[in-house]
PDB file of N, CA and C in Angstrom:
ATOM      1  N   MET A   1     -29.137 190.041 198.211  1.00  0.00           N
ATOM      2  CA  MET A   1     -29.529 190.376 196.858  1.00  0.00           C
ATOM      3  C   MET A   1     -31.016 190.126 196.684  1.00  0.00           C
ATOM      4  N   THR A   2     -31.622 190.980 195.935  1.00  0.00           N
ATOM      5  CA  THR A   2     -33.003 190.767 195.551  1.00  0.00           C
ATOM      6  C   THR A   2     -33.095 190.954 194.048  1.00  0.00           C
ATOM      7  N   ASP A   3     -33.795 190.071 193.389  1.00  0.00           N
ATOM      8  CA  ASP A   3     -33.952 190.141 191.927  1.00  0.00           C
ATOM      9  C   ASP A   3     -32.607 190.158 191.200  1.00  0.00           C
ATOM     10  N   GLY A   4     -31.576 189.548 191.777  1.00  0.00           N
ATOM     11  CA  GLY A   4     -30.272 189.517 191.147  1.00  0.00           C
ATOM     12  C   GLY A   4     -29.479 190.808 191.275  1.00  0.00           C
ATOM     13  N   ARG A   5     -30.035 191.809 191.944  1.00  0.00           N
ATOM     14  CA  ARG A   5     -29.330 193.079 192.132  1.00  0.00           C
ATOM     15  C   ARG A   5     -28.836 193.185 193.561  1.00  0.00           C
ATOM     16  N   ARG A   6     -27.767 193.908 193.740  1.00  0.00           N
ATOM     17  CA  ARG A   6     -27.243 194.118 195.085  1.00  0.00           C
ATOM     18  C   ARG A   6     -28.165 195.054 195.862  1.00  0.00           C
ATOM     19  N   THR A   7     -28.258 194.789 197.158  1.00  0.00           N
ATOM     20  CA  THR A   7     -29.041 195.636 198.042  1.00  0.00           C
ATOM     21  C   THR A   7     -28.101 196.630 198.699  1.00  0.00           C
ATOM     22  N   GLY A   8     -28.469 197.886 198.662  1.00  0.00           N
ATOM     23  CA  GLY A   8     -27.670 198.910 199.310  1.00  0.00           C
ATOM     24  C   GLY A   8     -28.009 199.008 200.792  1.00  0.00           C
ATOM     25  N   ILE A   9     -27.064 199.498 201.539  1.00  0.00           N
ATOM     26  CA  ILE A   9     -27.249 199.726 202.967  1.00  0.00           C
ATOM     27  C   ILE A   9     -27.104 201.214 203.214  1.00  0.00           C
ATOM     28  N   GLU A  10     -28.033 201.777 203.969  1.00  0.00           N
ATOM     29  CA  GLU A  10     -27.953 203.184 204.343  1.00  0.00           C
ATOM     30  C   GLU A  10     -27.721 203.289 205.844  1.00  0.00           C
ATOM     31  N   VAL A  11     -26.765 204.107 206.224  1.00  0.00           N
ATOM     32  CA  VAL A  11     -26.460 204.354 207.629  1.00  0.00           C
ATOM     33  C   VAL A  11     -26.614 205.844 207.863  1.00  0.00           C
ATOM     34  N   THR A  12     -27.433 206.210 208.863  1.00  0.00           N
ATOM     35  CA  THR A  12     -27.602 207.622 209.204  1.00  0.00           C
ATOM     36  C   THR A  12     -27.272 207.830 210.669  1.00  0.00           C
ATOM     37  N   PHE A  13     -26.706 208.977 210.952  1.00  0.00           N
ATOM     38  CA  PHE A  13     -26.290 209.320 212.305  1.00  0.00           C
ATOM     39  C   PHE A  13     -27.143 210.477 212.802  1.00  0.00           C
ATOM     40  N   GLY A  14     -27.814 210.272 213.940  1.00  0.00           N
ATOM     41  CA  GLY A  14     -28.654 211.313 214.518  1.00  0.00           C
ATOM     42  C   GLY A  14     -27.860 212.161 215.503  1.00  0.00           C
ATOM     43  N   GLY A  15     -28.347 213.339 215.774  1.00  0.00           N
ATOM     44  CA  GLY A  15     -27.691 214.239 216.711  1.00  0.00           C
ATOM     45  C   GLY A  15     -27.733 213.745 218.151  1.00  0.00           C
ATOM     46  N   ASP A  16     -28.582 212.763 218.419  1.00  0.00           N
ATOM     47  CA  ASP A  16     -28.715 212.224 219.779  1.00  0.00           C
ATOM     48  C   ASP A  16     -27.894 210.958 219.987  1.00  0.00           C
ATOM     49  N   ASP A  17     -26.832 210.754 219.182  1.00  0.00           N
ATOM     50  CA  ASP A  17     -25.938 209.594 219.278  1.00  0.00           C
ATOM     51  C   ASP A  17     -26.584 208.314 218.748  1.00  0.00           C
ATOM     52  N   THR A  18     -27.692 208.445 218.032  1.00  0.00           N
ATOM     53  CA  THR A  18     -28.379 207.295 217.466  1.00  0.00           C
ATOM     54  C   THR A  18     -27.869 207.010 216.052  1.00  0.00           C
ATOM     55  N   VAL A  19     -27.661 205.726 215.770  1.00  0.00           N
ATOM     56  CA  VAL A  19     -27.268 205.284 214.431  1.00  0.00           C
ATOM     57  C   VAL A  19     -28.391 204.391 213.912  1.00  0.00           C
ATOM     58  N   ARG A  20     -28.855 204.675 212.699  1.00  0.00           N
ATOM     59  CA  ARG A  20     -29.922 203.887 212.091  1.00  0.00           C
ATOM     60  C   ARG A  20     -29.386 203.242 210.812  1.00  0.00           C
ATOM     61  N   ILE A  21     -29.640 201.934 210.672  1.00  0.00           N
ATOM     62  CA  ILE A  21     -29.150 201.168 209.534  1.00  0.00           C
ATOM     63  C   ILE A  21     -30.355 200.512 208.863  1.00  0.00           C
ATOM     64  N   ARG A  22     -30.411 200.615 207.514  1.00  0.00           N
ATOM     65  CA  ARG A  22     -31.499 199.942 206.804  1.00  0.00           C
ATOM     66  C   ARG A  22     -31.027 199.515 205.428  1.00  0.00           C
ATOM     67  N   ALA A  23     -31.647 198.473 204.921  1.00  0.00           N
ATOM     68  CA  ALA A  23     -31.391 198.010 203.558  1.00  0.00           C
ATOM     69  C   ALA A  23     -32.344 198.746 202.631  1.00  0.00           C
ATOM     70  N   THR A  24     -31.848 199.182 201.500  1.00  0.00           N
ATOM     71  CA  THR A  24     -32.711 199.902 200.554  1.00  0.00           C
ATOM     72  C   THR A  24     -33.838 199.023 200.033  1.00  0.00           C
ATOM     73  N   ALA A  25     -33.651 197.709 200.058  1.00  0.00           N
ATOM     74  CA  ALA A  25     -34.691 196.778 199.600  1.00  0.00           C
ATOM     75  C   ALA A  25     -35.812 196.627 200.623  1.00  0.00           C
ATOM     76  N   ALA A  26     -35.578 197.051 201.867  1.00  0.00           N
ATOM     77  CA  ALA A  26     -36.580 196.943 202.929  1.00  0.00           C
ATOM     78  C   ALA A  26     -36.665 198.278 203.672  1.00  0.00           C
ATOM     79  N   PRO A  27     -37.159 199.313 203.008  1.00  0.00           N
ATOM     80  CA  PRO A  27     -37.140 200.649 203.603  1.00  0.00           C
ATOM     81  C   PRO A  27     -37.965 200.790 204.879  1.00  0.00           C
ATOM     82  N   GLY A  28     -38.876 199.887 205.128  1.00  0.00           N
ATOM     83  CA  GLY A  28     -39.696 199.967 206.335  1.00  0.00           C
ATOM     84  C   GLY A  28     -39.065 199.340 207.559  1.00  0.00           C
ATOM     85  N   THR A  29     -37.908 198.709 207.397  1.00  0.00           N
ATOM     86  CA  THR A  29     -37.239 198.040 208.510  1.00  0.00           C
ATOM     87  C   THR A  29     -35.937 198.763 208.821  1.00  0.00           C
ATOM     88  N   THR A  30     -35.764 199.152 210.079  1.00  0.00           N
ATOM     89  CA  THR A  30     -34.571 199.880 210.492  1.00  0.00           C
ATOM     90  C   THR A  30     -33.987 199.246 211.744  1.00  0.00           C
ATOM     91  N   VAL A  31     -32.682 199.117 211.772  1.00  0.00           N
ATOM     92  CA  VAL A  31     -31.966 198.672 212.970  1.00  0.00           C
ATOM     93  C   VAL A  31     -31.382 199.924 213.616  1.00  0.00           C
ATOM     94  N   THR A  32     -31.544 200.049 214.920  1.00  0.00           N
ATOM     95  CA  THR A  32     -31.061 201.228 215.629  1.00  0.00           C
ATOM     96  C   THR A  32     -30.049 200.808 216.685  1.00  0.00           C
ATOM     97  N   THR A  33     -28.971 201.572 216.797  1.00  0.00           N
ATOM     98  CA  THR A  33     -27.946 201.335 217.807  1.00  0.00           C
ATOM     99  C   THR A  33     -27.376 202.694 218.219  1.00  0.00           C
ATOM    100  N   ASP A  34     -26.370 202.688 219.062  1.00  0.00           N
ATOM    101  CA  ASP A  34     -25.740 203.952 219.425  1.00  0.00           C
ATOM    102  C   ASP A  34     -24.370 204.055 218.767  1.00  0.00           C
ATOM    103  N   ARG A  35     -23.798 205.232 218.803  1.00  0.00           N
ATOM    104  CA  ARG A  35     -22.546 205.492 218.088  1.00  0.00           C
ATOM    105  C   ARG A  35     -21.396 204.633 218.617  1.00  0.00           C
ATOM    106  N   ARG A  36     -21.299 204.427 219.918  1.00  0.00           N
ATOM    107  CA  ARG A  36     -20.222 203.615 220.488  1.00  0.00           C
ATOM    108  C   ARG A  36     -20.272 202.181 219.971  1.00  0.00           C
ATOM    109  N   LYS A  37     -21.448 201.585 219.942  1.00  0.00           N
ATOM    110  CA  LYS A  37     -21.593 200.214 219.442  1.00  0.00           C
ATOM    111  C   LYS A  37     -21.305 200.148 217.946  1.00  0.00           C
ATOM    112  N   TRP A  38     -21.761 201.159 217.193  1.00  0.00           N
ATOM    113  CA  TRP A  38     -21.497 201.195 215.752  1.00  0.00           C
ATOM    114  C   TRP A  38     -20.003 201.261 215.489  1.00  0.00           C
ATOM    115  N   ASP A  39     -19.304 202.160 216.188  1.00  0.00           N
ATOM    116  CA  ASP A  39     -17.859 202.306 215.999  1.00  0.00           C
ATOM    117  C   ASP A  39     -17.122 201.008 216.321  1.00  0.00           C
ATOM    118  N   THR A  40     -17.566 200.303 217.367  1.00  0.00           N
ATOM    119  CA  THR A  40     -16.962 199.022 217.726  1.00  0.00           C
ATOM    120  C   THR A  40     -17.196 197.994 216.622  1.00  0.00           C
ATOM    121  N   PHE A  41     -18.397 197.957 216.071  1.00  0.00           N
ATOM    122  CA  PHE A  41     -18.708 197.051 214.963  1.00  0.00           C
ATOM    123  C   PHE A  41     -17.821 197.343 213.754  1.00  0.00           C
ATOM    124  N   VAL A  42     -17.678 198.606 213.391  1.00  0.00           N
ATOM    125  CA  VAL A  42     -16.861 198.982 212.237  1.00  0.00           C
ATOM    126  C   VAL A  42     -15.406 198.573 212.447  1.00  0.00           C
ATOM    127  N   LEU A  43     -14.884 198.755 213.650  1.00  0.00           N
ATOM    128  CA  LEU A  43     -13.510 198.321 213.940  1.00  0.00           C
ATOM    129  C   LEU A  43     -13.371 196.812 213.738  1.00  0.00           C
ATOM    130  N   GLY A  44     -14.381 196.041 214.160  1.00  0.00           N
ATOM    131  CA  GLY A  44     -14.361 194.594 213.967  1.00  0.00           C
ATOM    132  C   GLY A  44     -14.385 194.204 212.496  1.00  0.00           C
ATOM    133  N   VAL A  45     -15.191 194.900 211.709  1.00  0.00           N
ATOM    134  CA  VAL A  45     -15.244 194.641 210.269  1.00  0.00           C
ATOM    135  C   VAL A  45     -13.882 194.911 209.645  1.00  0.00           C
ATOM    136  N   ARG A  46     -13.292 196.032 209.984  1.00  0.00           N
ATOM    137  CA  ARG A  46     -11.984 196.395 209.419  1.00  0.00           C
ATOM    138  C   ARG A  46     -10.884 195.434 209.854  1.00  0.00           C
ATOM    139  N   ALA A  47     -11.037 194.843 211.031  1.00  0.00           N
ATOM    140  CA  ALA A  47     -10.048 193.890 211.537  1.00  0.00           C
ATOM    141  C   ALA A  47     -10.252 192.485 210.977  1.00  0.00           C
ATOM    142  N   GLY A  48     -11.324 192.284 210.200  1.00  0.00           N
ATOM    143  CA  GLY A  48     -11.559 190.977 209.593  1.00  0.00           C
ATOM    144  C   GLY A  48     -12.308 190.002 210.474  1.00  0.00           C
ATOM    145  N   GLU A  49     -12.921 190.475 211.551  1.00  0.00           N
ATOM    146  CA  GLU A  49     -13.608 189.577 212.478  1.00  0.00           C
ATOM    147  C   GLU A  49     -14.821 188.872 211.876  1.00  0.00           C
ATOM    148  N   PHE A  50     -15.328 189.356 210.770  1.00  0.00           N
ATOM    149  CA  PHE A  50     -16.515 188.766 210.161  1.00  0.00           C
ATOM    150  C   PHE A  50     -16.229 188.115 208.811  1.00  0.00           C
ATOM    151  N   ASP A  51     -14.973 188.083 208.430  1.00  0.00           N
ATOM    152  CA  ASP A  51     -14.601 187.537 207.128  1.00  0.00           C
ATOM    153  C   ASP A  51     -15.029 186.089 206.938  1.00  0.00           C
ATOM    154  N   HIS A  52     -15.079 185.315 208.026  1.00  0.00           N
ATOM    155  CA  HIS A  52     -15.432 183.894 207.901  1.00  0.00           C
ATOM    156  C   HIS A  52     -16.861 183.701 207.382  1.00  0.00           C
ATOM    157  N   PHE A  53     -17.705 184.711 207.484  1.00  0.00           N
ATOM    158  CA  PHE A  53     -19.058 184.587 206.947  1.00  0.00           C
ATOM    159  C   PHE A  53     -19.060 184.571 205.427  1.00  0.00           C
ATOM    160  N   PHE A  54     -17.997 185.076 204.810  1.00  0.00           N
ATOM    161  CA  PHE A  54     -17.912 185.133 203.369  1.00  0.00           C
ATOM    162  C   PHE A  54     -16.890 184.162 202.778  1.00  0.00           C
ATOM    163  N   ALA A  55     -16.308 183.336 203.616  1.00  0.00           N
ATOM    164  CA  ALA A  55     -15.303 182.378 203.147  1.00  0.00           C
ATOM    165  C   ALA A  55     -15.973 181.351 202.245  1.00  0.00           C
ATOM    166  N   ARG A  56     -15.298 181.036 201.183  1.00  0.00           N
ATOM    167  CA  ARG A  56     -15.822 180.043 200.230  1.00  0.00           C
ATOM    168  C   ARG A  56     -15.150 178.697 200.506  1.00  0.00           C
ATOM    169  N   PRO A  57     -15.936 177.617 200.470  1.00  0.00           N
ATOM    170  CA  PRO A  57     -15.340 176.283 200.735  1.00  0.00           C
ATOM    171  C   PRO A  57     -14.389 175.863 199.645  1.00  0.00           C
TER     172      PRO A  57
END
């Protein structure tokens, strides 16, 4: 969050199997990966593999 507002995430898929991820609050910074790694990450998110990062004590 920045300024109390949620930050959006943009994901774009290139024709060369490139996936680019950036936060709308930081348009000059981009993370780049390939489609296979992105798909694996998404499967992990859907399976709950990262839920512990948001667990509340």
